[in-house]
PDB file of N, CA and C in Angstrom:
ATOM      1  N   UNK A   1     -35.450  17.424  -7.379  1.00  0.00           N
ATOM      2  CA  UNK A   1     -34.157  16.946  -7.919  1.00  0.00           C
ATOM      3  C   UNK A   1     -33.142  17.628  -6.853  1.00  0.00           C
ATOM      4  N   UNK A   2     -33.518  18.237  -6.017  1.00  0.00           N
ATOM      5  CA  UNK A   2     -32.534  18.910  -4.953  1.00  0.00           C
ATOM      6  C   UNK A   2     -31.824  18.016  -4.209  1.00  0.00           C
ATOM      7  N   UNK A   3     -32.386  16.672  -4.053  1.00  0.00           N
ATOM      8  CA  UNK A   3     -31.541  15.642  -3.325  1.00  0.00           C
ATOM      9  C   UNK A   3     -30.851  14.613  -3.839  1.00  0.00           C
ATOM     10  N   UNK A   4     -30.623  14.995  -5.318  1.00  0.00           N
ATOM     11  CA  UNK A   4     -29.959  13.856  -6.228  1.00  0.00           C
ATOM     12  C   UNK A   4     -29.053  14.734  -7.009  1.00  0.00           C
ATOM     13  N   UNK A   5     -27.923  14.124  -7.292  1.00  0.00           N
ATOM     14  CA  UNK A   5     -26.847  14.401  -8.011  1.00  0.00           C
ATOM     15  C   UNK A   5     -26.710  13.791  -9.097  1.00  0.00           C
ATOM     16  N   UNK A   6     -27.156  14.355 -10.518  1.00  0.00           N
ATOM     17  CA  UNK A   6     -27.381  13.757 -11.902  1.00  0.00           C
ATOM     18  C   UNK A   6     -26.127  13.390 -12.262  1.00  0.00           C
ATOM     19  N   UNK A   7     -25.078  14.437 -12.440  1.00  0.00           N
ATOM     20  CA  UNK A   7     -23.807  14.286 -13.002  1.00  0.00           C
ATOM     21  C   UNK A   7     -22.639  14.490 -11.873  1.00  0.00           C
ATOM     22  N   UNK A   8     -21.658  13.766 -12.113  1.00  0.00           N
ATOM     23  CA  UNK A   8     -20.672  13.765 -11.215  1.00  0.00           C
ATOM     24  C   UNK A   8     -19.251  13.912 -11.877  1.00  0.00           C
ATOM     25  N   UNK A   9     -18.514  14.831 -11.048  1.00  0.00           N
ATOM     26  CA  UNK A   9     -17.043  14.797 -11.624  1.00  0.00           C
ATOM     27  C   UNK A   9     -16.324  14.581 -10.261  1.00  0.00           C
ATOM     28  N   UNK A  10     -15.108  14.035 -10.391  1.00  0.00           N
ATOM     29  CA  UNK A  10     -14.022  13.793  -9.406  1.00  0.00           C
ATOM     30  C   UNK A  10     -13.805  15.197  -8.763  1.00  0.00           C
ATOM     31  N   UNK A  11     -13.782  16.408  -9.184  1.00  0.00           N
ATOM     32  CA  UNK A  11     -13.409  17.693  -8.686  1.00  0.00           C
ATOM     33  C   UNK A  11     -14.852  18.303  -7.867  1.00  0.00           C
ATOM     34  N   UNK A  12     -15.952  17.388  -7.846  1.00  0.00           N
ATOM     35  CA  UNK A  12     -17.036  18.064  -7.336  1.00  0.00           C
ATOM     36  C   UNK A  12     -16.908  18.226  -5.819  1.00  0.00           C
ATOM     37  N   UNK A  13     -16.237  17.294  -4.999  1.00  0.00           N
ATOM     38  CA  UNK A  13     -16.061  17.522  -3.690  1.00  0.00           C
ATOM     39  C   UNK A  13     -15.278  18.637  -3.175  1.00  0.00           C
ATOM     40  N   UNK A  14     -14.135  18.875  -4.053  1.00  0.00           N
ATOM     41  CA  UNK A  14     -13.188  19.777  -3.711  1.00  0.00           C
ATOM     42  C   UNK A  14     -13.621  21.261  -3.992  1.00  0.00           C
ATOM     43  N   UNK A  15     -14.518  21.098  -5.113  1.00  0.00           N
ATOM     44  CA  UNK A  15     -15.191  22.494  -5.475  1.00  0.00           C
ATOM     45  C   UNK A  15     -16.167  22.917  -4.305  1.00  0.00           C
ATOM     46  N   UNK A  16     -17.058  21.876  -3.994  1.00  0.00           N
ATOM     47  CA  UNK A  16     -18.079  22.395  -2.836  1.00  0.00           C
ATOM     48  C   UNK A  16     -17.293  22.813  -1.481  1.00  0.00           C
ATOM     49  N   UNK A  17     -16.299  21.922  -1.308  1.00  0.00           N
ATOM     50  CA  UNK A  17     -15.818  22.138   0.173  1.00  0.00           C
ATOM     51  C   UNK A  17     -14.742  23.308   0.012  1.00  0.00           C
ATOM     52  N   UNK A  18     -14.605  23.976  -1.062  1.00  0.00           N
ATOM     53  CA  UNK A  18     -13.657  24.955  -1.248  1.00  0.00           C
ATOM     54  C   UNK A  18     -12.106  24.910  -1.042  1.00  0.00           C
ATOM     55  N   UNK A  19     -11.921  23.503  -1.524  1.00  0.00           N
ATOM     56  CA  UNK A  19     -10.468  23.138  -1.236  1.00  0.00           C
ATOM     57  C   UNK A  19      -9.919  23.432  -2.667  1.00  0.00           C
ATOM     58  N   UNK A  20     -10.337  23.818  -3.634  1.00  0.00           N
ATOM     59  CA  UNK A  20      -9.597  23.955  -4.845  1.00  0.00           C
ATOM     60  C   UNK A  20      -9.434  22.674  -5.823  1.00  0.00           C
ATOM     61  N   UNK A  21      -8.741  22.708  -6.714  1.00  0.00           N
ATOM     62  CA  UNK A  21      -8.706  21.541  -7.667  1.00  0.00           C
ATOM     63  C   UNK A  21      -7.773  20.408  -6.765  1.00  0.00           C
ATOM     64  N   UNK A  22      -8.338  19.159  -6.794  1.00  0.00           N
ATOM     65  CA  UNK A  22      -7.549  18.089  -6.089  1.00  0.00           C
ATOM     66  C   UNK A  22      -6.162  17.589  -6.773  1.00  0.00           C
ATOM     67  N   UNK A  23      -5.258  17.242  -6.200  1.00  0.00           N
ATOM     68  CA  UNK A  23      -4.067  16.779  -6.796  1.00  0.00           C
ATOM     69  C   UNK A  23      -4.320  15.247  -7.394  1.00  0.00           C
ATOM     70  N   UNK A  24      -3.788  14.876  -8.557  1.00  0.00           N
ATOM     71  CA  UNK A  24      -3.859  13.733  -8.985  1.00  0.00           C
ATOM     72  C   UNK A  24      -3.542  12.761  -8.033  1.00  0.00           C
ATOM     73  N   UNK A  25      -2.343  12.731  -7.307  1.00  0.00           N
ATOM     74  CA  UNK A  25      -1.932  11.782  -6.563  1.00  0.00           C
ATOM     75  C   UNK A  25      -2.837  11.702  -5.414  1.00  0.00           C
ATOM     76  N   UNK A  26      -3.670  12.611  -5.079  1.00  0.00           N
ATOM     77  CA  UNK A  26      -4.558  12.458  -3.712  1.00  0.00           C
ATOM     78  C   UNK A  26      -5.917  11.861  -4.083  1.00  0.00           C
ATOM     79  N   UNK A  27      -6.345  11.810  -5.131  1.00  0.00           N
ATOM     80  CA  UNK A  27      -7.721  11.312  -5.991  1.00  0.00           C
ATOM     81  C   UNK A  27      -7.444  10.554  -7.057  1.00  0.00           C
ATOM     82  N   UNK A  28      -7.741   9.273  -6.770  1.00  0.00           N
ATOM     83  CA  UNK A  28      -7.623   8.489  -8.013  1.00  0.00           C
ATOM     84  C   UNK A  28      -8.462   8.786  -9.137  1.00  0.00           C
ATOM     85  N   UNK A  29      -9.736   8.920  -8.940  1.00  0.00           N
ATOM     86  CA  UNK A  29     -10.791   9.187  -9.903  1.00  0.00           C
ATOM     87  C   UNK A  29     -10.582  10.476 -10.558  1.00  0.00           C
ATOM     88  N   UNK A  30      -9.969  11.543 -10.013  1.00  0.00           N
ATOM     89  CA  UNK A  30      -9.658  12.692 -10.513  1.00  0.00           C
ATOM     90  C   UNK A  30      -8.354  12.370 -11.511  1.00  0.00           C
ATOM     91  N   UNK A  31      -7.470  11.657 -11.100  1.00  0.00           N
ATOM     92  CA  UNK A  31      -6.341  11.362 -11.863  1.00  0.00           C
ATOM     93  C   UNK A  31      -6.745  10.469 -13.189  1.00  0.00           C
ATOM     94  N   UNK A  32      -7.678   9.562 -12.918  1.00  0.00           N
ATOM     95  CA  UNK A  32      -8.114   8.884 -14.199  1.00  0.00           C
ATOM     96  C   UNK A  32      -8.736   9.828 -15.030  1.00  0.00           C
ATOM     97  N   UNK A  33      -9.658  10.727 -14.536  1.00  0.00           N
ATOM     98  CA  UNK A  33     -10.300  11.834 -15.549  1.00  0.00           C
ATOM     99  C   UNK A  33      -9.431  12.538 -16.262  1.00  0.00           C
ATOM    100  N   UNK A  34      -8.237  12.996 -15.389  1.00  0.00           N
ATOM    101  CA  UNK A  34      -7.353  13.813 -16.157  1.00  0.00           C
ATOM    102  C   UNK A  34      -6.485  12.993 -17.409  1.00  0.00           C
ATOM    103  N   UNK A  35      -6.318  11.680 -17.269  1.00  0.00           N
ATOM    104  CA  UNK A  35      -5.847  10.749 -18.130  1.00  0.00           C
ATOM    105  C   UNK A  35      -6.496  10.742 -19.346  1.00  0.00           C
ATOM    106  N   UNK A  36      -7.822  10.551 -19.022  1.00  0.00           N
ATOM    107  CA  UNK A  36      -8.839  10.062 -20.207  1.00  0.00           C
ATOM    108  C   UNK A  36      -9.485  11.388 -20.777  1.00  0.00           C
ATOM    109  N   UNK A  37      -9.156  12.400 -19.987  1.00  0.00           N
ATOM    110  CA  UNK A  37      -9.647  13.665 -20.475  1.00  0.00           C
ATOM    111  C   UNK A  37     -11.191  13.789 -20.460  1.00  0.00           C
ATOM    112  N   UNK A  38     -11.774  13.067 -19.391  1.00  0.00           N
ATOM    113  CA  UNK A  38     -13.373  13.139 -19.467  1.00  0.00           C
ATOM    114  C   UNK A  38     -13.634  12.632 -18.036  1.00  0.00           C
ATOM    115  N   UNK A  39     -14.778  12.913 -17.469  1.00  0.00           N
ATOM    116  CA  UNK A  39     -15.213  12.457 -16.019  1.00  0.00           C
ATOM    117  C   UNK A  39     -15.223  10.778 -16.402  1.00  0.00           C
ATOM    118  N   UNK A  40     -14.630  10.213 -15.194  1.00  0.00           N
ATOM    119  CA  UNK A  40     -14.792   8.806 -15.187  1.00  0.00           C
ATOM    120  C   UNK A  40     -16.258   8.087 -14.753  1.00  0.00           C
ATOM    121  N   UNK A  41     -16.917   7.532 -15.603  1.00  0.00           N
ATOM    122  CA  UNK A  41     -18.145   6.715 -15.210  1.00  0.00           C
ATOM    123  C   UNK A  41     -17.853   5.273 -14.898  1.00  0.00           C
ATOM    124  N   UNK A  42     -17.946   4.948 -13.703  1.00  0.00           N
ATOM    125  CA  UNK A  42     -17.759   3.423 -13.483  1.00  0.00           C
ATOM    126  C   UNK A  42     -19.054   2.811 -13.091  1.00  0.00           C
ATOM    127  N   UNK A  43     -19.538   1.828 -14.146  1.00  0.00           N
ATOM    128  CA  UNK A  43     -20.803   1.085 -14.063  1.00  0.00           C
ATOM    129  C   UNK A  43     -20.844   0.015 -13.167  1.00  0.00           C
ATOM    130  N   UNK A  44     -19.691  -0.427 -12.750  1.00  0.00           N
ATOM    131  CA  UNK A  44     -19.388  -1.504 -11.948  1.00  0.00           C
ATOM    132  C   UNK A  44     -19.574  -1.241 -10.434  1.00  0.00           C
ATOM    133  N   UNK A  45     -19.432  -0.001 -10.045  1.00  0.00           N
ATOM    134  CA  UNK A  45     -19.659   0.377  -8.793  1.00  0.00           C
ATOM    135  C   UNK A  45     -18.222   0.158  -7.802  1.00  0.00           C
ATOM    136  N   UNK A  46     -17.131  -0.311  -8.666  1.00  0.00           N
ATOM    137  CA  UNK A  46     -15.859  -0.611  -7.958  1.00  0.00           C
ATOM    138  C   UNK A  46     -15.211   0.611  -7.466  1.00  0.00           C
ATOM    139  N   UNK A  47     -15.097   1.764  -8.310  1.00  0.00           N
ATOM    140  CA  UNK A  47     -14.406   3.117  -8.092  1.00  0.00           C
ATOM    141  C   UNK A  47     -15.289   3.700  -7.261  1.00  0.00           C
ATOM    142  N   UNK A  48     -14.583   4.245  -6.242  1.00  0.00           N
ATOM    143  CA  UNK A  48     -15.494   5.147  -5.171  1.00  0.00           C
ATOM    144  C   UNK A  48     -14.858   6.314  -4.760  1.00  0.00           C
ATOM    145  N   UNK A  49     -15.673   7.382  -4.406  1.00  0.00           N
ATOM    146  CA  UNK A  49     -14.932   8.554  -3.922  1.00  0.00           C
ATOM    147  C   UNK A  49     -15.274   8.710  -2.301  1.00  0.00           C
ATOM    148  N   UNK A  50     -14.290   8.876  -1.507  1.00  0.00           N
ATOM    149  CA  UNK A  50     -14.496   8.773  -0.294  1.00  0.00           C
ATOM    150  C   UNK A  50     -15.411   9.745   0.446  1.00  0.00           C
ATOM    151  N   UNK A  51     -15.633  10.841  -0.356  1.00  0.00           N
ATOM    152  CA  UNK A  51     -16.128  12.108  -0.060  1.00  0.00           C
ATOM    153  C   UNK A  51     -17.648  12.331  -0.572  1.00  0.00           C
ATOM    154  N   UNK A  52     -17.962  11.448  -1.363  1.00  0.00           N
ATOM    155  CA  UNK A  52     -19.085  11.567  -2.088  1.00  0.00           C
ATOM    156  C   UNK A  52     -19.801  10.208  -2.322  1.00  0.00           C
ATOM    157  N   UNK A  53     -20.966  10.115  -1.780  1.00  0.00           N
ATOM    158  CA  UNK A  53     -21.776   8.766  -2.270  1.00  0.00           C
ATOM    159  C   UNK A  53     -22.397   8.714  -3.449  1.00  0.00           C
ATOM    160  N   UNK A  54     -21.989   7.910  -4.371  1.00  0.00           N
ATOM    161  CA  UNK A  54     -22.528   7.821  -5.746  1.00  0.00           C
ATOM    162  C   UNK A  54     -23.276   6.552  -5.836  1.00  0.00           C
ATOM    163  N   UNK A  55     -24.470   6.522  -6.655  1.00  0.00           N
ATOM    164  CA  UNK A  55     -25.306   5.214  -6.963  1.00  0.00           C
ATOM    165  C   UNK A  55     -25.223   5.228  -8.246  1.00  0.00           C
ATOM    166  N   UNK A  56     -24.912   3.964  -8.875  1.00  0.00           N
ATOM    167  CA  UNK A  56     -25.028   3.648 -10.158  1.00  0.00           C
ATOM    168  C   UNK A  56     -26.399   3.378 -10.591  1.00  0.00           C
ATOM    169  N   UNK A  57     -26.713   4.207 -11.631  1.00  0.00           N
ATOM    170  CA  UNK A  57     -28.282   4.305 -12.203  1.00  0.00           C
ATOM    171  C   UNK A  57     -28.386   3.298 -13.197  1.00  0.00           C
ATOM    172  N   UNK A  58     -27.425   2.810 -14.075  1.00  0.00           N
ATOM    173  CA  UNK A  58     -27.362   2.048 -15.123  1.00  0.00           C
ATOM    174  C   UNK A  58     -26.255   1.052 -14.879  1.00  0.00           C
ATOM    175  N   UNK A  59     -26.299  -0.039 -14.037  1.00  0.00           N
ATOM    176  CA  UNK A  59     -25.289  -0.980 -13.737  1.00  0.00           C
ATOM    177  C   UNK A  59     -25.084  -1.637 -14.747  1.00  0.00           C
ATOM    178  N   UNK A  60     -23.878  -2.327 -14.862  1.00  0.00           N
ATOM    179  CA  UNK A  60     -23.412  -3.787 -16.117  1.00  0.00           C
ATOM    180  C   UNK A  60     -24.280  -4.900 -15.597  1.00  0.00           C
ATOM    181  N   UNK A  61     -24.564  -5.398 -16.592  1.00  0.00           N
ATOM    182  CA  UNK A  61     -25.248  -7.027 -16.336  1.00  0.00           C
ATOM    183  C   UNK A  61     -24.337  -7.704 -15.335  1.00  0.00           C
ATOM    184  N   UNK A  62     -24.915  -8.313 -14.507  1.00  0.00           N
ATOM    185  CA  UNK A  62     -24.054  -9.219 -13.500  1.00  0.00           C
ATOM    186  C   UNK A  62     -23.478 -10.261 -14.157  1.00  0.00           C
ATOM    187  N   UNK A  63     -23.994 -10.794 -15.421  1.00  0.00           N
ATOM    188  CA  UNK A  63     -23.126 -11.851 -16.214  1.00  0.00           C
ATOM    189  C   UNK A  63     -21.920 -11.316 -16.776  1.00  0.00           C
ATOM    190  N   UNK A  64     -21.971 -10.121 -17.107  1.00  0.00           N
ATOM    191  CA  UNK A  64     -20.536  -9.509 -17.523  1.00  0.00           C
ATOM    192  C   UNK A  64     -19.585  -9.483 -16.498  1.00  0.00           C
ATOM    193  N   UNK A  65     -19.940  -9.157 -15.255  1.00  0.00           N
ATOM    194  CA  UNK A  65     -19.239  -8.725 -14.289  1.00  0.00           C
ATOM    195  C   UNK A  65     -18.665 -10.032 -13.335  1.00  0.00           C
ATOM    196  N   UNK A  66     -19.734 -11.114 -13.168  1.00  0.00           N
ATOM    197  CA  UNK A  66     -19.026 -12.158 -12.467  1.00  0.00           C
ATOM    198  C   UNK A  66     -19.368 -13.529 -13.022  1.00  0.00           C
ATOM    199  N   UNK A  67     -20.425 -13.844 -13.836  1.00  0.00           N
ATOM    200  CA  UNK A  67     -20.994 -14.929 -14.360  1.00  0.00           C
ATOM    201  C   UNK A  67     -19.933 -15.575 -15.346  1.00  0.00           C
ATOM    202  N   UNK A  68     -19.406 -14.842 -16.053  1.00  0.00           N
ATOM    203  CA  UNK A  68     -18.614 -15.160 -17.098  1.00  0.00           C
ATOM    204  C   UNK A  68     -17.181 -14.509 -16.878  1.00  0.00           C
ATOM    205  N   UNK A  69     -16.719 -14.476 -15.858  1.00  0.00           N
ATOM    206  CA  UNK A  69     -15.405 -13.831 -15.409  1.00  0.00           C
ATOM    207  C   UNK A  69     -14.241 -14.110 -15.935  1.00  0.00           C
ATOM    208  N   UNK A  70     -14.237 -15.336 -16.650  1.00  0.00           N
ATOM    209  CA  UNK A  70     -12.772 -15.727 -17.192  1.00  0.00           C
ATOM    210  C   UNK A  70     -12.840 -15.282 -18.883  1.00  0.00           C
ATOM    211  N   UNK A  71     -13.911 -14.814 -19.419  1.00  0.00           N
ATOM    212  CA  UNK A  71     -13.677 -14.511 -20.815  1.00  0.00           C
ATOM    213  C   UNK A  71     -13.267 -13.322 -20.984  1.00  0.00           C
ATOM    214  N   UNK A  72     -12.675 -13.134 -22.088  1.00  0.00           N
ATOM    215  CA  UNK A  72     -11.807 -11.866 -22.334  1.00  0.00           C
ATOM    216  C   UNK A  72     -12.824 -10.896 -23.227  1.00  0.00           C
ATOM    217  N   UNK A  73     -12.553  -9.869 -23.551  1.00  0.00           N
ATOM    218  CA  UNK A  73     -13.404  -8.705 -23.947  1.00  0.00           C
ATOM    219  C   UNK A  73     -13.919  -9.156 -25.454  1.00  0.00           C
ATOM    220  N   UNK A  74     -13.040  -9.590 -26.128  1.00  0.00           N
ATOM    221  CA  UNK A  74     -13.456  -9.979 -27.562  1.00  0.00           C
ATOM    222  C   UNK A  74     -14.409 -11.196 -27.535  1.00  0.00           C
ATOM    223  N   UNK A  75     -14.328 -12.108 -26.647  1.00  0.00           N
ATOM    224  CA  UNK A  75     -15.229 -13.295 -26.574  1.00  0.00           C
ATOM    225  C   UNK A  75     -16.663 -12.716 -26.144  1.00  0.00           C
ATOM    226  N   UNK A  76     -16.728 -11.808 -25.215  1.00  0.00           N
ATOM    227  CA  UNK A  76     -17.988 -11.047 -24.598  1.00  0.00           C
ATOM    228  C   UNK A  76     -18.590 -10.262 -25.783  1.00  0.00           C
ATOM    229  N   UNK A  77     -17.933  -9.665 -26.512  1.00  0.00           N
ATOM    230  CA  UNK A  77     -18.449  -8.876 -27.833  1.00  0.00           C
ATOM    231  C   UNK A  77     -19.044  -9.853 -28.630  1.00  0.00           C
ATOM    232  N   UNK A  78     -18.141 -10.825 -29.018  1.00  0.00           N
ATOM    233  CA  UNK A  78     -18.733 -11.831 -30.072  1.00  0.00           C
ATOM    234  C   UNK A  78     -20.111 -12.418 -29.596  1.00  0.00           C
ATOM    235  N   UNK A  79     -20.044 -12.906 -28.375  1.00  0.00           N
ATOM    236  CA  UNK A  79     -21.230 -13.624 -27.926  1.00  0.00           C
ATOM    237  C   UNK A  79     -22.347 -12.763 -27.907  1.00  0.00           C
ATOM    238  N   UNK A  80     -22.116 -11.435 -27.487  1.00  0.00           N
ATOM    239  CA  UNK A  80     -23.264 -10.604 -27.554  1.00  0.00           C
ATOM    240  C   UNK A  80     -23.678 -10.301 -28.804  1.00  0.00           C
ATOM    241  N   UNK A  81     -22.937  -9.992 -29.786  1.00  0.00           N
ATOM    242  CA  UNK A  81     -23.370  -9.861 -31.187  1.00  0.00           C
ATOM    243  C   UNK A  81     -24.100 -11.102 -31.756  1.00  0.00           C
ATOM    244  N   UNK A  82     -23.561 -12.178 -31.418  1.00  0.00           N
ATOM    245  CA  UNK A  82     -24.514 -13.402 -31.938  1.00  0.00           C
ATOM    246  C   UNK A  82     -25.790 -13.422 -31.268  1.00  0.00           C
ATOM    247  N   UNK A  83     -25.973 -13.109 -29.984  1.00  0.00           N
ATOM    248  CA  UNK A  83     -27.216 -13.054 -29.213  1.00  0.00           C
ATOM    249  C   UNK A  83     -28.086 -11.993 -29.888  1.00  0.00           C
ATOM    250  N   UNK A  84     -27.673 -10.911 -30.098  1.00  0.00           N
ATOM    251  CA  UNK A  84     -28.341  -9.859 -30.842  1.00  0.00           C
ATOM    252  C   UNK A  84     -28.875 -10.173 -32.315  1.00  0.00           C
ATOM    253  N   UNK A  85     -27.856 -10.812 -32.931  1.00  0.00           N
ATOM    254  CA  UNK A  85     -28.321 -11.334 -34.368  1.00  0.00           C
ATOM    255  C   UNK A  85     -29.444 -12.253 -34.263  1.00  0.00           C
ATOM    256  N   UNK A  86     -29.407 -13.239 -33.293  1.00  0.00           N
ATOM    257  CA  UNK A  86     -30.450 -14.214 -33.345  1.00  0.00           C
ATOM    258  C   UNK A  86     -31.714 -13.635 -32.771  1.00  0.00           C
ATOM    259  N   UNK A  87     -31.741 -12.586 -32.022  1.00  0.00           N
ATOM    260  CA  UNK A  87     -32.964 -11.952 -31.560  1.00  0.00           C
ATOM    261  C   UNK A  87     -33.468 -11.062 -32.614  1.00  0.00           C
ATOM    262  N   UNK A  88     -32.672 -10.383 -33.476  1.00  0.00           N
ATOM    263  CA  UNK A  88     -33.081  -9.660 -34.760  1.00  0.00           C
ATOM    264  C   UNK A  88     -33.794 -10.533 -35.543  1.00  0.00           C
ATOM    265  N   UNK A  89     -33.217 -11.796 -35.775  1.00  0.00           N
ATOM    266  CA  UNK A  89     -33.733 -12.860 -36.947  1.00  0.00           C
ATOM    267  C   UNK A  89     -34.995 -13.090 -36.440  1.00  0.00           C
ATOM    268  N   UNK A  90     -35.144 -13.602 -35.036  1.00  0.00           N
ATOM    269  CA  UNK A  90     -36.293 -14.132 -34.526  1.00  0.00           C
ATOM    270  C   UNK A  90     -37.565 -13.125 -34.434  1.00  0.00           C
ATOM    271  N   UNK A  91     -37.254 -11.731 -34.211  1.00  0.00           N
ATOM    272  CA  UNK A  91     -38.251 -10.542 -34.343  1.00  0.00           C
ATOM    273  C   UNK A  91     -38.341  -9.965 -35.642  1.00  0.00           C
ATOM    274  N   UNK A  92     -37.574 -10.478 -36.641  1.00  0.00           N
ATOM    275  CA  UNK A  92     -37.664  -9.905 -37.927  1.00  0.00           C
ATOM    276  C   UNK A  92     -37.307  -8.313 -37.767  1.00  0.00           C
ATOM    277  N   UNK A  93     -36.057  -7.839 -37.186  1.00  0.00           N
ATOM    278  CA  UNK A  93     -35.725  -6.631 -36.912  1.00  0.00           C
ATOM    279  C   UNK A  93     -34.328  -6.463 -37.314  1.00  0.00           C
ATOM    280  N   UNK A  94     -34.113  -5.158 -38.032  1.00  0.00           N
ATOM    281  CA  UNK A  94     -32.745  -4.773 -38.536  1.00  0.00           C
ATOM    282  C   UNK A  94     -31.937  -4.322 -37.385  1.00  0.00           C
ATOM    283  N   UNK A  95     -30.649  -4.575 -37.517  1.00  0.00           N
ATOM    284  CA  UNK A  95     -29.561  -3.874 -36.528  1.00  0.00           C
ATOM    285  C   UNK A  95     -28.943  -2.888 -37.081  1.00  0.00           C
ATOM    286  N   UNK A  96     -28.818  -1.852 -36.403  1.00  0.00           N
ATOM    287  CA  UNK A  96     -28.059  -0.487 -36.924  1.00  0.00           C
ATOM    288  C   UNK A  96     -26.911  -0.273 -35.919  1.00  0.00           C
ATOM    289  N   UNK A  97     -25.748  -0.184 -36.410  1.00  0.00           N
ATOM    290  CA  UNK A  97     -24.384   0.142 -35.487  1.00  0.00           C
ATOM    291  C   UNK A  97     -23.858   1.540 -35.886  1.00  0.00           C
ATOM    292  N   UNK A  98     -23.819   2.374 -34.865  1.00  0.00           N
ATOM    293  CA  UNK A  98     -23.223   3.733 -35.134  1.00  0.00           C
ATOM    294  C   UNK A  98     -21.834   3.544 -35.020  1.00  0.00           C
ATOM    295  N   UNK A  99     -21.195   3.580 -36.260  1.00  0.00           N
ATOM    296  CA  UNK A  99     -19.656   3.139 -36.289  1.00  0.00           C
ATOM    297  C   UNK A  99     -18.898   4.714 -36.272  1.00  0.00           C
ATOM    298  N   UNK A 100     -17.910   5.125 -35.255  1.00  0.00           N
ATOM    299  CA  UNK A 100     -17.341   6.345 -35.312  1.00  0.00           C
ATOM    300  C   UNK A 100     -16.026   6.027 -35.905  1.00  0.00           C
ATOM    301  N   UNK A 101     -15.622   4.711 -36.108  1.00  0.00           N
ATOM    302  CA  UNK A 101     -14.199   4.565 -36.317  1.00  0.00           C
ATOM    303  C   UNK A 101     -13.272   4.384 -35.243  1.00  0.00           C
ATOM    304  N   UNK A 102     -13.786   4.609 -34.208  1.00  0.00           N
ATOM    305  CA  UNK A 102     -13.038   4.280 -32.941  1.00  0.00           C
ATOM    306  C   UNK A 102     -12.740   2.721 -32.586  1.00  0.00           C
ATOM    307  N   UNK A 103     -12.086   2.434 -31.802  1.00  0.00           N
ATOM    308  CA  UNK A 103     -11.825   0.977 -31.526  1.00  0.00           C
ATOM    309  C   UNK A 103     -12.776   0.410 -30.985  1.00  0.00           C
ATOM    310  N   UNK A 104     -13.865   1.215 -30.026  1.00  0.00           N
ATOM    311  CA  UNK A 104     -15.068   0.413 -29.552  1.00  0.00           C
ATOM    312  C   UNK A 104     -16.035   0.030 -30.581  1.00  0.00           C
ATOM    313  N   UNK A 105     -16.322   0.898 -31.368  1.00  0.00           N
ATOM    314  CA  UNK A 105     -17.340   0.639 -32.314  1.00  0.00           C
ATOM    315  C   UNK A 105     -16.984  -0.191 -33.208  1.00  0.00           C
ATOM    316  N   UNK A 106     -15.564  -0.157 -33.564  1.00  0.00           N
ATOM    317  CA  UNK A 106     -14.980  -1.056 -34.715  1.00  0.00           C
ATOM    318  C   UNK A 106     -15.082  -2.449 -34.261  1.00  0.00           C
ATOM    319  N   UNK A 107     -14.801  -2.833 -32.811  1.00  0.00           N
ATOM    320  CA  UNK A 107     -14.648  -4.007 -32.292  1.00  0.00           C
ATOM    321  C   UNK A 107     -16.176  -4.664 -32.462  1.00  0.00           C
ATOM    322  N   UNK A 108     -17.097  -3.827 -32.250  1.00  0.00           N
ATOM    323  CA  UNK A 108     -18.626  -4.300 -32.282  1.00  0.00           C
ATOM    324  C   UNK A 108     -18.936  -4.518 -33.691  1.00  0.00           C
ATOM    325  N   UNK A 109     -18.613  -3.816 -34.615  1.00  0.00           N
ATOM    326  CA  UNK A 109     -19.037  -3.870 -36.033  1.00  0.00           C
ATOM    327  C   UNK A 109     -18.226  -5.139 -36.542  1.00  0.00           C
ATOM    328  N   UNK A 110     -17.026  -5.414 -36.244  1.00  0.00           N
ATOM    329  CA  UNK A 110     -16.305  -6.670 -36.673  1.00  0.00           C
ATOM    330  C   UNK A 110     -17.016  -8.049 -35.965  1.00  0.00           C
ATOM    331  N   UNK A 111     -17.429  -7.624 -34.821  1.00  0.00           N
ATOM    332  CA  UNK A 111     -18.060  -8.852 -34.227  1.00  0.00           C
ATOM    333  C   UNK A 111     -19.495  -9.195 -34.856  1.00  0.00           C
ATOM    334  N   UNK A 112     -20.004  -8.145 -35.388  1.00  0.00           N
ATOM    335  CA  UNK A 112     -21.377  -8.482 -36.180  1.00  0.00           C
ATOM    336  C   UNK A 112     -21.016  -9.170 -37.525  1.00  0.00           C
ATOM    337  N   UNK A 113     -20.107  -8.638 -38.181  1.00  0.00           N
ATOM    338  CA  UNK A 113     -19.509  -9.411 -39.411  1.00  0.00           C
ATOM    339  C   UNK A 113     -18.985 -10.717 -39.170  1.00  0.00           C
ATOM    340  N   UNK A 114     -18.391 -10.858 -37.943  1.00  0.00           N
ATOM    341  CA  UNK A 114     -17.901 -12.308 -37.930  1.00  0.00           C
ATOM    342  C   UNK A 114     -19.112 -13.372 -37.660  1.00  0.00           C
ATOM    343  N   UNK A 115     -19.921 -12.901 -36.803  1.00  0.00           N
ATOM    344  CA  UNK A 115     -21.076 -13.742 -36.409  1.00  0.00           C
ATOM    345  C   UNK A 115     -22.247 -13.718 -37.516  1.00  0.00           C
ATOM    346  N   UNK A 116     -22.183 -12.738 -38.271  1.00  0.00           N
ATOM    347  CA  UNK A 116     -23.225 -12.753 -39.239  1.00  0.00           C
ATOM    348  C   UNK A 116     -22.910 -13.605 -40.467  1.00  0.00           C
ATOM    349  N   UNK A 117     -21.594 -13.992 -40.792  1.00  0.00           N
ATOM    350  CA  UNK A 117     -21.336 -14.682 -41.987  1.00  0.00           C
ATOM    351  C   UNK A 117     -21.263 -16.126 -41.778  1.00  0.00           C
TER     352      UNK A 117
END
């Protein structure tokens, strides 16, 4: 594992280069990380760091990125919920949703309720 970086933070380059903590106005990824209070993970490959080459190991499905580019998030979530419900029915499997009460998992749960009724 000596030639791979498994976890990445926007502060990585500055730390390794001995430059201290970057300023938010100098590093967009660092600014996003500060805003969201967590390292930013970009599965689209759009956000880049000029100092560190980063490879996306788990990219988003191309259909979500470009094939259906005009759909809003609610439409995409509802469509995917419908696809998963059809597959579960076909394979006679249950679907379990880990609902934290946050906006993401609530949107998913609501989509399943809408599509399942």
